[in-house]
Amino acid sequence: MENERRNFDQEAAVWEEKPERVKIAKNVSQSMLKTIPFDSSMHVLDFGCGTGLISLAIQPHVQTITGIDTSQGMLKVFQNKVDTQHLLNVKIRYLDLEHEDTLSEKFHVIVSSMTLHHVPDTQKILDKFYQLLEPKGILALADLDREDGLFHQDNHGVFHHGFDRTALSHLFEKAGFRNTQVQTAAETMRSVPNQDQRKFTIFLISGWK
């Protein structure tokens, strides 16, 4: 695992050209919509929003959704979608939440997909999420089940080769979340060295403040 961040700006323009990525985001967002009781009064935060695949799926069901990311390139692609679709309830911000505390508002729900394995300190970011949530707020994160480092062709910027569901549930509880639930949200097949195909699973873990 590399201890340096990956520069997603170089990949942003072609990010969605891989159908697998779009399919994972679709399955994850469907799982979130089934699990979380979104409603039109809610303000939602999408951590590591990328090109907005998750945000745009949730957007019709909530009052506002704010997407934050550390890649200007990804956010540019996302912003183009928002402008083209004339969406008024989507906000986009460049923000490094790991190192900055510039979000003054609170949120009813925080979602994130396939971002947690790029964050070095899992407990620290969970603690921040807890502080950013309204009372009875919900955190819902989708990421890889524990794997042997073969999911990514390049592990630069990958700090965790997936997560053990039970161990991550304990981190949720340590941050203060209750009623933690975990379910499989998506599956994908990938070619790996010395094998034809390998199945990887993506879970959705949710907890209530």
N, C-alpha and C. Protein backbone atom coordinates (compact mmCIF):
# COMPACT_ATOMS: atom_id res chain seq x y z
N MET A 1 0.84 -1.19 0.00
CA MET A 1 0.00 0.00 0.00
C MET A 1 0.88 1.24 0.00
N GLU A 2 0.55 2.14 -0.89
CA GLU A 2 1.31 3.37 -0.96
C GLU A 2 0.84 4.34 0.11
N ASN A 3 1.75 5.18 0.57
CA ASN A 3 1.37 6.15 1.58
C ASN A 3 1.23 7.55 0.99
N GLU A 4 1.04 7.63 -0.30
CA GLU A 4 0.80 8.90 -0.95
C GLU A 4 -0.55 8.87 -1.63
N ARG A 5 -1.14 10.04 -1.75
CA ARG A 5 -2.45 10.11 -2.37
C ARG A 5 -2.37 9.91 -3.88
N ARG A 6 -3.43 9.40 -4.41
CA ARG A 6 -3.55 9.20 -5.85
C ARG A 6 -4.15 10.45 -6.47
N ASN A 7 -3.62 10.84 -7.62
CA ASN A 7 -4.12 12.02 -8.33
C ASN A 7 -5.22 11.60 -9.29
N PHE A 8 -6.46 11.83 -8.90
CA PHE A 8 -7.59 11.43 -9.71
C PHE A 8 -7.89 12.41 -10.85
N ASP A 9 -7.24 13.58 -10.83
CA ASP A 9 -7.49 14.56 -11.88
C ASP A 9 -7.20 14.00 -13.26
N GLN A 10 -6.14 13.20 -13.36
CA GLN A 10 -5.73 12.66 -14.65
C GLN A 10 -6.73 11.63 -15.18
N GLU A 11 -7.53 11.05 -14.31
CA GLU A 11 -8.47 10.01 -14.71
C GLU A 11 -9.90 10.52 -14.88
N ALA A 12 -10.15 11.75 -14.47
CA ALA A 12 -11.52 12.25 -14.37
C ALA A 12 -12.28 12.21 -15.69
N ALA A 13 -11.64 12.66 -16.77
CA ALA A 13 -12.34 12.79 -18.05
C ALA A 13 -12.81 11.44 -18.59
N VAL A 14 -12.11 10.36 -18.24
CA VAL A 14 -12.47 9.04 -18.78
C VAL A 14 -12.97 8.11 -17.68
N TRP A 15 -13.25 8.65 -16.51
CA TRP A 15 -13.62 7.83 -15.36
C TRP A 15 -14.82 6.94 -15.65
N GLU A 16 -15.83 7.49 -16.30
CA GLU A 16 -17.06 6.74 -16.51
C GLU A 16 -17.07 5.94 -17.81
N GLU A 17 -15.94 5.88 -18.47
CA GLU A 17 -15.85 5.07 -19.67
C GLU A 17 -15.72 3.58 -19.36
N LYS A 18 -15.48 3.26 -18.09
CA LYS A 18 -15.45 1.87 -17.65
C LYS A 18 -16.83 1.51 -17.11
N PRO A 19 -17.59 0.68 -17.85
CA PRO A 19 -18.96 0.34 -17.42
C PRO A 19 -19.02 -0.25 -16.02
N GLU A 20 -17.96 -0.93 -15.61
CA GLU A 20 -17.92 -1.55 -14.29
C GLU A 20 -18.11 -0.50 -13.20
N ARG A 21 -17.44 0.64 -13.34
CA ARG A 21 -17.55 1.69 -12.32
C ARG A 21 -18.97 2.24 -12.24
N VAL A 22 -19.57 2.44 -13.39
CA VAL A 22 -20.93 2.97 -13.43
C VAL A 22 -21.90 1.95 -12.82
N LYS A 23 -21.69 0.68 -13.10
CA LYS A 23 -22.56 -0.36 -12.57
C LYS A 23 -22.44 -0.46 -11.06
N ILE A 24 -21.22 -0.40 -10.54
CA ILE A 24 -21.03 -0.44 -9.09
C ILE A 24 -21.77 0.73 -8.43
N ALA A 25 -21.59 1.92 -8.99
CA ALA A 25 -22.26 3.11 -8.43
C ALA A 25 -23.78 2.96 -8.47
N LYS A 26 -24.29 2.40 -9.55
CA LYS A 26 -25.74 2.19 -9.67
C LYS A 26 -26.24 1.22 -8.60
N ASN A 27 -25.53 0.12 -8.43
CA ASN A 27 -25.94 -0.87 -7.43
C ASN A 27 -25.83 -0.31 -6.02
N VAL A 28 -24.76 0.43 -5.76
CA VAL A 28 -24.58 1.02 -4.43
C VAL A 28 -25.68 2.04 -4.14
N SER A 29 -25.96 2.90 -5.11
CA SER A 29 -26.98 3.92 -4.89
C SER A 29 -28.36 3.29 -4.69
N GLN A 30 -28.65 2.21 -5.42
CA GLN A 30 -29.92 1.51 -5.23
C GLN A 30 -30.00 0.92 -3.83
N SER A 31 -28.88 0.38 -3.35
CA SER A 31 -28.85 -0.16 -2.00
C SER A 31 -29.06 0.93 -0.96
N MET A 32 -28.45 2.09 -1.18
CA MET A 32 -28.63 3.22 -0.27
C MET A 32 -30.08 3.68 -0.25
N LEU A 33 -30.70 3.76 -1.42
CA LEU A 33 -32.08 4.23 -1.50
C LEU A 33 -33.05 3.26 -0.81
N LYS A 34 -32.70 1.98 -0.80
CA LYS A 34 -33.54 0.99 -0.13
C LYS A 34 -33.32 1.00 1.39
N THR A 35 -32.11 1.36 1.80
CA THR A 35 -31.74 1.27 3.22
C THR A 35 -32.02 2.53 4.01
N ILE A 36 -31.81 3.67 3.38
CA ILE A 36 -31.91 4.96 4.07
C ILE A 36 -33.25 5.61 3.77
N PRO A 37 -33.98 6.07 4.77
CA PRO A 37 -35.28 6.71 4.54
C PRO A 37 -35.14 8.17 4.10
N PHE A 38 -34.58 8.37 2.91
CA PHE A 38 -34.43 9.72 2.39
C PHE A 38 -35.80 10.40 2.27
N ASP A 39 -35.82 11.72 2.49
CA ASP A 39 -37.04 12.47 2.21
C ASP A 39 -36.69 13.89 1.79
N SER A 40 -37.68 14.62 1.37
CA SER A 40 -37.46 15.92 0.72
C SER A 40 -37.04 17.02 1.68
N SER A 41 -36.93 16.70 2.98
CA SER A 41 -36.48 17.71 3.94
C SER A 41 -34.98 17.58 4.24
N MET A 42 -34.35 16.55 3.71
CA MET A 42 -32.99 16.21 4.13
C MET A 42 -31.90 16.96 3.36
N HIS A 43 -30.84 17.29 4.13
CA HIS A 43 -29.61 17.81 3.55
C HIS A 43 -28.57 16.69 3.68
N VAL A 44 -27.95 16.34 2.55
CA VAL A 44 -27.08 15.16 2.48
C VAL A 44 -25.68 15.59 2.05
N LEU A 45 -24.67 14.91 2.58
CA LEU A 45 -23.28 15.11 2.18
C LEU A 45 -22.78 13.85 1.51
N ASP A 46 -22.15 14.01 0.34
CA ASP A 46 -21.52 12.89 -0.37
C ASP A 46 -20.00 13.09 -0.29
N PHE A 47 -19.36 12.27 0.53
CA PHE A 47 -17.91 12.37 0.75
C PHE A 47 -17.18 11.58 -0.33
N GLY A 48 -16.26 12.26 -1.05
CA GLY A 48 -15.55 11.62 -2.15
C GLY A 48 -16.49 11.41 -3.33
N CYS A 49 -17.21 12.46 -3.68
CA CYS A 49 -18.31 12.37 -4.64
C CYS A 49 -17.85 12.04 -6.06
N GLY A 50 -16.58 12.31 -6.39
CA GLY A 50 -16.09 12.02 -7.73
C GLY A 50 -16.88 12.73 -8.80
N THR A 51 -17.31 11.99 -9.82
CA THR A 51 -18.07 12.57 -10.93
C THR A 51 -19.56 12.66 -10.65
N GLY A 52 -19.97 12.34 -9.43
CA GLY A 52 -21.34 12.57 -9.02
C GLY A 52 -22.32 11.43 -9.25
N LEU A 53 -21.84 10.24 -9.50
CA LEU A 53 -22.74 9.13 -9.80
C LEU A 53 -23.69 8.83 -8.64
N ILE A 54 -23.18 8.84 -7.43
CA ILE A 54 -24.03 8.57 -6.27
C ILE A 54 -24.91 9.79 -5.97
N SER A 55 -24.33 10.96 -5.98
CA SER A 55 -25.08 12.19 -5.68
C SER A 55 -26.28 12.36 -6.59
N LEU A 56 -26.10 12.12 -7.87
CA LEU A 56 -27.18 12.35 -8.83
C LEU A 56 -28.29 11.32 -8.69
N ALA A 57 -27.96 10.14 -8.18
CA ALA A 57 -28.99 9.14 -7.93
C ALA A 57 -29.84 9.51 -6.72
N ILE A 58 -29.22 10.15 -5.72
CA ILE A 58 -29.92 10.52 -4.50
C ILE A 58 -30.63 11.86 -4.62
N GLN A 59 -30.13 12.71 -5.43
CA GLN A 59 -30.60 14.10 -5.57
C GLN A 59 -32.13 14.25 -5.70
N PRO A 60 -32.80 13.43 -6.49
CA PRO A 60 -34.25 13.63 -6.64
C PRO A 60 -35.05 13.37 -5.36
N HIS A 61 -34.43 12.74 -4.37
CA HIS A 61 -35.15 12.28 -3.18
C HIS A 61 -34.93 13.17 -1.96
N VAL A 62 -34.09 14.21 -2.08
CA VAL A 62 -33.72 15.02 -0.91
C VAL A 62 -33.82 16.51 -1.23
N GLN A 63 -33.70 17.32 -0.18
CA GLN A 63 -33.77 18.77 -0.40
C GLN A 63 -32.49 19.29 -1.04
N THR A 64 -31.34 18.93 -0.44
CA THR A 64 -30.06 19.30 -1.05
C THR A 64 -29.07 18.17 -0.86
N ILE A 65 -28.11 18.09 -1.76
CA ILE A 65 -26.97 17.19 -1.58
C ILE A 65 -25.71 17.96 -1.92
N THR A 66 -24.73 17.87 -1.04
CA THR A 66 -23.44 18.55 -1.23
C THR A 66 -22.38 17.51 -1.50
N GLY A 67 -21.73 17.61 -2.63
CA GLY A 67 -20.65 16.69 -2.97
C GLY A 67 -19.30 17.33 -2.70
N ILE A 68 -18.44 16.63 -1.97
CA ILE A 68 -17.09 17.15 -1.72
C ILE A 68 -16.07 16.14 -2.20
N ASP A 69 -14.94 16.65 -2.67
CA ASP A 69 -13.88 15.79 -3.18
C ASP A 69 -12.58 16.58 -3.18
N THR A 70 -11.47 15.87 -3.26
CA THR A 70 -10.15 16.52 -3.32
C THR A 70 -9.60 16.54 -4.74
N SER A 71 -10.41 16.12 -5.72
CA SER A 71 -9.97 16.14 -7.11
C SER A 71 -10.73 17.21 -7.88
N GLN A 72 -10.03 18.25 -8.30
CA GLN A 72 -10.65 19.30 -9.10
C GLN A 72 -11.16 18.75 -10.42
N GLY A 73 -10.44 17.78 -10.97
CA GLY A 73 -10.85 17.20 -12.24
C GLY A 73 -12.18 16.48 -12.13
N MET A 74 -12.34 15.68 -11.09
CA MET A 74 -13.60 14.98 -10.86
C MET A 74 -14.74 15.97 -10.66
N LEU A 75 -14.49 16.99 -9.87
CA LEU A 75 -15.53 17.98 -9.58
C LEU A 75 -15.93 18.75 -10.83
N LYS A 76 -15.00 18.97 -11.74
CA LYS A 76 -15.32 19.66 -12.99
C LYS A 76 -16.30 18.84 -13.82
N VAL A 77 -16.06 17.53 -13.90
CA VAL A 77 -16.97 16.65 -14.62
C VAL A 77 -18.35 16.67 -13.97
N PHE A 78 -18.38 16.60 -12.64
CA PHE A 78 -19.62 16.64 -11.89
C PHE A 78 -20.36 17.95 -12.14
N GLN A 79 -19.63 19.06 -12.06
CA GLN A 79 -20.25 20.38 -12.24
C GLN A 79 -20.86 20.52 -13.62
N ASN A 80 -20.21 19.96 -14.63
CA ASN A 80 -20.76 20.01 -15.99
C ASN A 80 -22.11 19.29 -16.06
N LYS A 81 -22.23 18.17 -15.35
CA LYS A 81 -23.51 17.45 -15.31
C LYS A 81 -24.59 18.31 -14.64
N VAL A 82 -24.23 18.91 -13.52
CA VAL A 82 -25.18 19.75 -12.78
C VAL A 82 -25.65 20.91 -13.64
N ASP A 83 -24.72 21.55 -14.34
CA ASP A 83 -25.06 22.69 -15.20
C ASP A 83 -25.95 22.26 -16.36
N THR A 84 -25.60 21.14 -16.97
CA THR A 84 -26.37 20.64 -18.11
C THR A 84 -27.79 20.28 -17.72
N GLN A 85 -27.94 19.68 -16.53
CA GLN A 85 -29.26 19.24 -16.08
C GLN A 85 -30.01 20.32 -15.30
N HIS A 86 -29.37 21.49 -15.11
CA HIS A 86 -29.98 22.63 -14.42
C HIS A 86 -30.49 22.23 -13.03
N LEU A 87 -29.64 21.54 -12.30
CA LEU A 87 -30.00 21.07 -10.97
C LEU A 87 -29.73 22.17 -9.94
N LEU A 88 -30.74 22.51 -9.18
CA LEU A 88 -30.62 23.61 -8.23
C LEU A 88 -30.35 23.15 -6.80
N ASN A 89 -30.50 21.86 -6.54
CA ASN A 89 -30.33 21.38 -5.17
C ASN A 89 -29.03 20.60 -4.98
N VAL A 90 -28.10 20.74 -5.91
CA VAL A 90 -26.81 20.06 -5.81
C VAL A 90 -25.70 21.11 -5.63
N LYS A 91 -24.92 20.94 -4.58
CA LYS A 91 -23.79 21.82 -4.31
C LYS A 91 -22.50 21.02 -4.45
N ILE A 92 -21.47 21.65 -4.97
CA ILE A 92 -20.19 20.96 -5.19
C ILE A 92 -19.09 21.80 -4.56
N ARG A 93 -18.23 21.13 -3.78
CA ARG A 93 -17.15 21.85 -3.10
C ARG A 93 -15.86 21.05 -3.16
N TYR A 94 -14.79 21.76 -3.42
CA TYR A 94 -13.45 21.18 -3.27
C TYR A 94 -13.09 21.28 -1.80
N LEU A 95 -12.89 20.12 -1.16
CA LEU A 95 -12.62 20.13 0.28
C LEU A 95 -11.88 18.87 0.68
N ASP A 96 -10.84 19.05 1.45
CA ASP A 96 -10.09 17.94 2.04
C ASP A 96 -10.57 17.77 3.48
N LEU A 97 -11.61 16.98 3.65
CA LEU A 97 -12.24 16.86 4.96
C LEU A 97 -11.31 16.20 5.99
N GLU A 98 -10.35 15.43 5.51
CA GLU A 98 -9.42 14.79 6.44
C GLU A 98 -8.58 15.81 7.20
N HIS A 99 -8.29 16.94 6.55
CA HIS A 99 -7.38 17.90 7.14
C HIS A 99 -8.00 19.28 7.38
N GLU A 100 -9.25 19.47 6.93
CA GLU A 100 -9.88 20.78 7.07
C GLU A 100 -11.20 20.64 7.83
N ASP A 101 -11.53 21.67 8.58
CA ASP A 101 -12.80 21.72 9.30
C ASP A 101 -13.57 22.97 8.86
N THR A 102 -13.88 23.03 7.57
CA THR A 102 -14.51 24.23 7.04
C THR A 102 -15.99 24.03 6.71
N LEU A 103 -16.54 22.90 7.10
CA LEU A 103 -17.97 22.68 6.91
C LEU A 103 -18.70 23.11 8.18
N SER A 104 -19.43 24.19 8.09
CA SER A 104 -20.12 24.71 9.27
C SER A 104 -21.51 24.10 9.42
N GLU A 105 -22.10 23.62 8.31
CA GLU A 105 -23.45 23.08 8.39
C GLU A 105 -23.45 21.63 8.86
N LYS A 106 -24.62 21.19 9.29
CA LYS A 106 -24.83 19.80 9.68
C LYS A 106 -25.68 19.11 8.62
N PHE A 107 -25.61 17.79 8.61
CA PHE A 107 -26.32 17.02 7.58
C PHE A 107 -27.18 15.94 8.23
N HIS A 108 -28.26 15.60 7.53
CA HIS A 108 -29.13 14.52 8.01
C HIS A 108 -28.57 13.15 7.63
N VAL A 109 -27.87 13.11 6.51
CA VAL A 109 -27.27 11.86 6.03
C VAL A 109 -25.91 12.17 5.42
N ILE A 110 -24.94 11.32 5.66
CA ILE A 110 -23.65 11.36 4.97
C ILE A 110 -23.50 10.03 4.24
N VAL A 111 -23.20 10.10 2.94
CA VAL A 111 -22.97 8.90 2.15
C VAL A 111 -21.57 8.96 1.55
N SER A 112 -21.06 7.80 1.20
CA SER A 112 -19.76 7.72 0.54
C SER A 112 -19.64 6.36 -0.12
N SER A 113 -19.02 6.33 -1.30
CA SER A 113 -18.87 5.07 -2.02
C SER A 113 -17.46 4.92 -2.55
N MET A 114 -16.81 3.85 -2.16
CA MET A 114 -15.49 3.48 -2.67
C MET A 114 -14.43 4.56 -2.42
N THR A 115 -14.58 5.24 -1.30
CA THR A 115 -13.64 6.30 -0.94
C THR A 115 -12.86 5.96 0.32
N LEU A 116 -13.47 5.21 1.22
CA LEU A 116 -12.86 4.98 2.54
C LEU A 116 -11.50 4.31 2.44
N HIS A 117 -11.29 3.45 1.44
CA HIS A 117 -9.99 2.76 1.36
C HIS A 117 -8.88 3.70 0.91
N HIS A 118 -9.25 4.91 0.49
CA HIS A 118 -8.25 5.92 0.14
C HIS A 118 -7.94 6.86 1.31
N VAL A 119 -8.55 6.62 2.46
CA VAL A 119 -8.36 7.48 3.64
C VAL A 119 -7.47 6.75 4.64
N PRO A 120 -6.33 7.30 5.01
CA PRO A 120 -5.40 6.60 5.90
C PRO A 120 -5.99 6.26 7.27
N ASP A 121 -6.61 7.24 7.92
CA ASP A 121 -7.07 7.08 9.30
C ASP A 121 -8.59 6.90 9.32
N THR A 122 -9.04 5.66 9.34
CA THR A 122 -10.47 5.37 9.28
C THR A 122 -11.21 5.93 10.48
N GLN A 123 -10.68 5.70 11.67
CA GLN A 123 -11.37 6.17 12.88
C GLN A 123 -11.52 7.68 12.89
N LYS A 124 -10.50 8.38 12.48
CA LYS A 124 -10.54 9.85 12.49
C LYS A 124 -11.64 10.38 11.59
N ILE A 125 -11.79 9.80 10.40
CA ILE A 125 -12.81 10.31 9.49
C ILE A 125 -14.20 9.92 9.98
N LEU A 126 -14.35 8.75 10.60
CA LEU A 126 -15.65 8.38 11.17
C LEU A 126 -16.04 9.33 12.29
N ASP A 127 -15.07 9.72 13.10
CA ASP A 127 -15.34 10.69 14.17
C ASP A 127 -15.81 12.02 13.58
N LYS A 128 -15.20 12.44 12.47
CA LYS A 128 -15.60 13.69 11.84
C LYS A 128 -17.02 13.59 11.29
N PHE A 129 -17.32 12.46 10.67
CA PHE A 129 -18.67 12.26 10.14
C PHE A 129 -19.71 12.38 11.27
N TYR A 130 -19.39 11.78 12.40
CA TYR A 130 -20.32 11.83 13.53
C TYR A 130 -20.61 13.27 13.94
N GLN A 131 -19.57 14.09 13.99
CA GLN A 131 -19.73 15.48 14.39
C GLN A 131 -20.52 16.29 13.37
N LEU A 132 -20.46 15.89 12.09
CA LEU A 132 -21.13 16.64 11.03
C LEU A 132 -22.60 16.27 10.88
N LEU A 133 -23.04 15.23 11.58
CA LEU A 133 -24.42 14.78 11.45
C LEU A 133 -25.34 15.47 12.46
N GLU A 134 -26.56 15.70 12.00
CA GLU A 134 -27.62 16.16 12.90
C GLU A 134 -27.95 15.03 13.88
N PRO A 135 -28.59 15.36 15.00
CA PRO A 135 -29.08 14.30 15.89
C PRO A 135 -29.94 13.31 15.10
N LYS A 136 -29.74 12.03 15.35
CA LYS A 136 -30.42 10.95 14.65
C LYS A 136 -30.04 10.87 13.17
N GLY A 137 -28.91 11.50 12.82
CA GLY A 137 -28.42 11.43 11.45
C GLY A 137 -27.89 10.05 11.11
N ILE A 138 -27.71 9.81 9.82
CA ILE A 138 -27.32 8.49 9.33
C ILE A 138 -26.02 8.59 8.53
N LEU A 139 -25.12 7.66 8.76
CA LEU A 139 -23.91 7.52 7.96
C LEU A 139 -24.00 6.21 7.18
N ALA A 140 -23.78 6.28 5.87
CA ALA A 140 -23.85 5.09 5.02
C ALA A 140 -22.65 5.07 4.09
N LEU A 141 -21.77 4.08 4.27
CA LEU A 141 -20.54 3.99 3.49
C LEU A 141 -20.50 2.67 2.73
N ALA A 142 -20.14 2.74 1.47
CA ALA A 142 -19.95 1.54 0.67
C ALA A 142 -18.47 1.40 0.34
N ASP A 143 -17.95 0.18 0.52
CA ASP A 143 -16.55 -0.05 0.17
C ASP A 143 -16.31 -1.54 -0.01
N LEU A 144 -15.09 -1.88 -0.30
CA LEU A 144 -14.71 -3.26 -0.60
C LEU A 144 -14.62 -4.12 0.65
N ASP A 145 -15.10 -5.35 0.51
CA ASP A 145 -14.76 -6.33 1.52
C ASP A 145 -13.26 -6.59 1.47
N ARG A 146 -12.71 -7.06 2.57
CA ARG A 146 -11.27 -7.35 2.66
C ARG A 146 -10.81 -8.18 1.47
N GLU A 147 -9.76 -7.72 0.80
CA GLU A 147 -9.21 -8.45 -0.35
C GLU A 147 -7.69 -8.41 -0.26
N ASP A 148 -7.03 -9.08 -1.21
CA ASP A 148 -5.58 -9.26 -1.12
C ASP A 148 -4.78 -8.27 -1.96
N GLY A 149 -5.39 -7.13 -2.26
CA GLY A 149 -4.66 -6.09 -2.97
C GLY A 149 -4.69 -6.20 -4.47
N LEU A 150 -5.56 -7.05 -5.00
CA LEU A 150 -5.62 -7.26 -6.45
C LEU A 150 -6.77 -6.50 -7.12
N PHE A 151 -7.61 -5.82 -6.33
CA PHE A 151 -8.73 -5.10 -6.92
C PHE A 151 -8.24 -3.96 -7.81
N HIS A 152 -7.27 -3.22 -7.31
CA HIS A 152 -6.72 -2.11 -8.08
C HIS A 152 -5.51 -2.57 -8.88
N GLN A 153 -5.46 -2.18 -10.13
CA GLN A 153 -4.27 -2.47 -10.93
C GLN A 153 -3.06 -1.72 -10.40
N ASP A 154 -3.32 -0.55 -9.84
CA ASP A 154 -2.27 0.27 -9.24
C ASP A 154 -2.73 0.64 -7.84
N ASN A 155 -1.97 0.21 -6.82
CA ASN A 155 -2.37 0.46 -5.44
C ASN A 155 -1.84 1.78 -4.89
N HIS A 156 -1.38 2.65 -5.77
CA HIS A 156 -0.96 3.97 -5.33
C HIS A 156 -2.15 4.71 -4.72
N GLY A 157 -1.99 5.18 -3.51
CA GLY A 157 -3.08 5.90 -2.85
C GLY A 157 -4.11 5.00 -2.20
N VAL A 158 -3.88 3.70 -2.19
CA VAL A 158 -4.78 2.75 -1.53
C VAL A 158 -4.19 2.43 -0.15
N PHE A 159 -4.89 2.83 0.89
CA PHE A 159 -4.38 2.64 2.25
C PHE A 159 -4.96 1.41 2.93
N HIS A 160 -6.04 0.86 2.34
CA HIS A 160 -6.66 -0.33 2.92
C HIS A 160 -7.11 -1.24 1.78
N HIS A 161 -6.73 -2.51 1.83
CA HIS A 161 -7.20 -3.47 0.84
C HIS A 161 -8.55 -4.01 1.29
N GLY A 162 -9.54 -3.13 1.24
CA GLY A 162 -10.86 -3.47 1.71
C GLY A 162 -10.93 -3.47 3.23
N PHE A 163 -12.08 -3.88 3.76
CA PHE A 163 -12.31 -3.83 5.19
C PHE A 163 -13.02 -5.10 5.67
N ASP A 164 -12.70 -5.50 6.87
CA ASP A 164 -13.43 -6.55 7.55
C ASP A 164 -14.71 -5.93 8.11
N ARG A 165 -15.84 -6.51 7.80
CA ARG A 165 -17.12 -5.91 8.18
C ARG A 165 -17.27 -5.76 9.69
N THR A 166 -16.88 -6.79 10.43
CA THR A 166 -17.02 -6.75 11.89
C THR A 166 -16.11 -5.69 12.50
N ALA A 167 -14.87 -5.64 12.02
CA ALA A 167 -13.92 -4.65 12.55
C ALA A 167 -14.39 -3.23 12.26
N LEU A 168 -14.93 -3.00 11.05
CA LEU A 168 -15.41 -1.67 10.71
C LEU A 168 -16.64 -1.31 11.52
N SER A 169 -17.50 -2.28 11.80
CA SER A 169 -18.66 -2.04 12.65
C SER A 169 -18.23 -1.58 14.04
N HIS A 170 -17.15 -2.17 14.54
CA HIS A 170 -16.63 -1.76 15.85
C HIS A 170 -16.11 -0.32 15.81
N LEU A 171 -15.50 0.08 14.70
CA LEU A 171 -15.04 1.47 14.56
C LEU A 171 -16.23 2.43 14.52
N PHE A 172 -17.31 2.02 13.86
CA PHE A 172 -18.54 2.82 13.86
C PHE A 172 -19.02 3.03 15.30
N GLU A 173 -19.06 1.94 16.05
CA GLU A 173 -19.54 2.00 17.43
C GLU A 173 -18.62 2.87 18.29
N LYS A 174 -17.33 2.78 18.04
CA LYS A 174 -16.38 3.60 18.80
C LYS A 174 -16.59 5.08 18.52
N ALA A 175 -17.00 5.41 17.29
CA ALA A 175 -17.26 6.81 16.94
C ALA A 175 -18.57 7.30 17.53
N GLY A 176 -19.41 6.37 18.00
CA GLY A 176 -20.68 6.75 18.62
C GLY A 176 -21.91 6.29 17.88
N PHE A 177 -21.74 5.66 16.74
CA PHE A 177 -22.90 5.22 15.96
C PHE A 177 -23.55 4.00 16.59
N ARG A 178 -24.87 3.89 16.39
CA ARG A 178 -25.63 2.77 16.93
C ARG A 178 -26.43 2.11 15.81
N ASN A 179 -26.99 0.96 16.13
CA ASN A 179 -27.81 0.22 15.15
C ASN A 179 -27.08 0.01 13.83
N THR A 180 -25.81 -0.32 13.92
CA THR A 180 -25.01 -0.52 12.71
C THR A 180 -25.48 -1.75 11.95
N GLN A 181 -25.64 -1.58 10.65
CA GLN A 181 -26.07 -2.66 9.78
C GLN A 181 -25.10 -2.77 8.60
N VAL A 182 -24.85 -4.00 8.15
CA VAL A 182 -23.98 -4.22 6.99
C VAL A 182 -24.67 -5.19 6.03
N GLN A 183 -24.58 -4.87 4.76
CA GLN A 183 -25.16 -5.74 3.74
C GLN A 183 -24.32 -5.67 2.48
N THR A 184 -24.43 -6.66 1.63
CA THR A 184 -23.74 -6.63 0.35
C THR A 184 -24.51 -5.72 -0.60
N ALA A 185 -23.80 -4.77 -1.20
CA ALA A 185 -24.43 -3.79 -2.08
C ALA A 185 -24.15 -4.05 -3.55
N ALA A 186 -22.99 -4.66 -3.84
CA ALA A 186 -22.62 -4.87 -5.25
C ALA A 186 -21.57 -5.96 -5.34
N GLU A 187 -21.48 -6.55 -6.51
CA GLU A 187 -20.43 -7.51 -6.83
C GLU A 187 -19.86 -7.16 -8.19
N THR A 188 -18.59 -7.44 -8.38
CA THR A 188 -17.98 -7.17 -9.68
C THR A 188 -16.89 -8.20 -9.95
N MET A 189 -16.70 -8.50 -11.20
CA MET A 189 -15.67 -9.44 -11.62
C MET A 189 -14.51 -8.67 -12.25
N ARG A 190 -13.30 -9.05 -11.90
CA ARG A 190 -12.12 -8.40 -12.46
C ARG A 190 -11.07 -9.44 -12.80
N SER A 191 -10.34 -9.17 -13.86
CA SER A 191 -9.19 -10.00 -14.20
C SER A 191 -8.06 -9.67 -13.25
N VAL A 192 -7.40 -10.70 -12.75
CA VAL A 192 -6.28 -10.51 -11.84
C VAL A 192 -5.10 -11.36 -12.33
N PRO A 193 -3.89 -11.01 -11.94
CA PRO A 193 -2.72 -11.76 -12.39
C PRO A 193 -2.81 -13.25 -12.05
N ASN A 194 -2.47 -14.07 -13.01
CA ASN A 194 -2.41 -15.52 -12.87
C ASN A 194 -3.78 -16.17 -12.67
N GLN A 195 -4.84 -15.40 -12.87
CA GLN A 195 -6.20 -15.94 -12.80
C GLN A 195 -7.02 -15.30 -13.91
N ASP A 196 -8.10 -15.97 -14.30
CA ASP A 196 -8.96 -15.40 -15.33
C ASP A 196 -9.80 -14.26 -14.76
N GLN A 197 -10.59 -14.59 -13.76
CA GLN A 197 -11.50 -13.62 -13.17
C GLN A 197 -11.57 -13.82 -11.66
N ARG A 198 -11.79 -12.74 -10.95
CA ARG A 198 -11.97 -12.81 -9.50
C ARG A 198 -13.19 -11.97 -9.13
N LYS A 199 -14.03 -12.52 -8.25
CA LYS A 199 -15.19 -11.76 -7.80
C LYS A 199 -14.82 -10.93 -6.57
N PHE A 200 -15.18 -9.67 -6.62
CA PHE A 200 -15.00 -8.77 -5.47
C PHE A 200 -16.37 -8.29 -5.04
N THR A 201 -16.57 -8.17 -3.74
CA THR A 201 -17.86 -7.70 -3.22
C THR A 201 -17.69 -6.34 -2.54
N ILE A 202 -18.74 -5.55 -2.66
CA ILE A 202 -18.80 -4.23 -2.04
C ILE A 202 -19.94 -4.23 -1.04
N PHE A 203 -19.67 -3.84 0.18
CA PHE A 203 -20.69 -3.81 1.23
C PHE A 203 -21.20 -2.39 1.43
N LEU A 204 -22.35 -2.29 2.05
CA LEU A 204 -22.87 -1.01 2.52
C LEU A 204 -23.05 -1.13 4.03
N ILE A 205 -22.36 -0.26 4.75
CA ILE A 205 -22.50 -0.22 6.21
C ILE A 205 -23.16 1.09 6.60
N SER A 206 -24.14 1.00 7.49
CA SER A 206 -24.87 2.20 7.92
C SER A 206 -24.98 2.21 9.43
N GLY A 207 -25.01 3.42 9.98
CA GLY A 207 -25.16 3.58 11.41
C GLY A 207 -25.88 4.87 11.71
N TRP A 208 -26.54 4.91 12.87
CA TRP A 208 -27.34 6.06 13.27
C TRP A 208 -26.67 6.79 14.42
N LYS A 209 -26.73 8.11 14.39
CA LYS A 209 -26.15 8.91 15.46
C LYS A 209 -27.08 8.90 16.68
